[in-house]
Amino acid sequence: MRHHGKTPTSTTYSALKKLATQGHLIKEATYAIEDPFFEMWIRSRR
């Protein structure tokens, strides 16, 4: 996840951890979105 200066880093990582715990993200070397439809929704809201 790239940091764009919009959200504090701790908030970003807390959100990533929660999404990974809920099964929405996969954490390997980086984070990846599990569900392609969820990814499309996230990208459309940028």
C-alpha atoms as a PDB file:
ATOM      1  CA  MET A   1       0.000   0.000   0.000  1.00  0.00           C
ATOM      2  CA  ARG A   2       1.450   3.329  -1.024  1.00  0.00           C
ATOM      3  CA  HIS A   3       1.332   6.162   1.445  1.00  0.00           C
ATOM      4  CA  HIS A   4      -0.047   9.342  -0.134  1.00  0.00           C
ATOM      5  CA  GLY A   5       0.094  11.569   2.924  1.00  0.00           C
ATOM      6  CA  LYS A   6      -3.671  11.410   3.381  1.00  0.00           C
ATOM      7  CA  THR A   7      -3.880   8.991   6.290  1.00  0.00           C
ATOM      8  CA  PRO A   8      -1.535   8.429   9.230  1.00  0.00           C
ATOM      9  CA  THR A   9       0.574   5.314   8.759  1.00  0.00           C
ATOM     10  CA  SER A  10      -0.696   3.671  11.968  1.00  0.00           C
ATOM     11  CA  THR A  11      -4.306   4.072  10.781  1.00  0.00           C
ATOM     12  CA  THR A  12      -3.448   2.555   7.401  1.00  0.00           C
ATOM     13  CA  TYR A  13      -1.785  -0.484   8.947  1.00  0.00           C
ATOM     14  CA  SER A  14      -4.609  -0.949  11.449  1.00  0.00           C
ATOM     15  CA  ALA A  15      -7.090  -0.990   8.565  1.00  0.00           C
ATOM     16  CA  LEU A  16      -4.932  -3.446   6.581  1.00  0.00           C
ATOM     17  CA  LYS A  17      -4.650  -5.751   9.593  1.00  0.00           C
ATOM     18  CA  LYS A  18      -8.415  -5.701  10.148  1.00  0.00           C
ATOM     19  CA  LEU A  19      -9.152  -6.392   6.460  1.00  0.00           C
ATOM     20  CA  ALA A  20      -6.643  -9.270   6.484  1.00  0.00           C
ATOM     21  CA  THR A  21      -8.222 -10.717   9.626  1.00  0.00           C
ATOM     22  CA  GLN A  22     -11.660 -10.558   7.980  1.00  0.00           C
ATOM     23  CA  GLY A  23     -10.341 -12.389   4.903  1.00  0.00           C
ATOM     24  CA  HIS A  24     -10.512  -9.472   2.480  1.00  0.00           C
ATOM     25  CA  LEU A  25      -6.719  -9.209   2.073  1.00  0.00           C
ATOM     26  CA  ILE A  26      -3.889 -11.672   1.688  1.00  0.00           C
ATOM     27  CA  LYS A  27      -0.562 -10.713   3.268  1.00  0.00           C
ATOM     28  CA  GLU A  28       2.524 -12.180   1.680  1.00  0.00           C
ATOM     29  CA  ALA A  29       5.459  -9.906   0.859  1.00  0.00           C
ATOM     30  CA  THR A  30       2.828  -7.221   0.241  1.00  0.00           C
ATOM     31  CA  TYR A  31      -0.927  -7.025   0.676  1.00  0.00           C
ATOM     32  CA  ALA A  32      -3.251  -8.267  -2.080  1.00  0.00           C
ATOM     33  CA  ILE A  33      -7.033  -8.007  -2.245  1.00  0.00           C
ATOM     34  CA  GLU A  34      -8.626 -11.464  -2.204  1.00  0.00           C
ATOM     35  CA  ASP A  35     -11.925 -10.658  -3.918  1.00  0.00           C
ATOM     36  CA  PRO A  36     -11.682  -9.114  -7.422  1.00  0.00           C
ATOM     37  CA  PHE A  37     -15.078  -7.407  -7.033  1.00  0.00           C
ATOM     38  CA  PHE A  38     -13.996  -5.838  -3.734  1.00  0.00           C
ATOM     39  CA  GLU A  39     -10.829  -4.632  -5.488  1.00  0.00           C
ATOM     40  CA  MET A  40     -12.894  -3.041  -8.285  1.00  0.00           C
ATOM     41  CA  TRP A  41     -15.087  -1.322  -5.681  1.00  0.00           C
ATOM     42  CA  ILE A  42     -12.060  -0.012  -3.772  1.00  0.00           C
ATOM     43  CA  ARG A  43     -10.450   1.310  -6.956  1.00  0.00           C
ATOM     44  CA  SER A  44     -13.690   2.971  -8.103  1.00  0.00           C
ATOM     45  CA  ARG A  45     -13.891   4.952  -4.833  1.00  0.00           C
ATOM     46  CA  ARG A  46     -10.471   6.617  -5.227  1.00  0.00           C
END
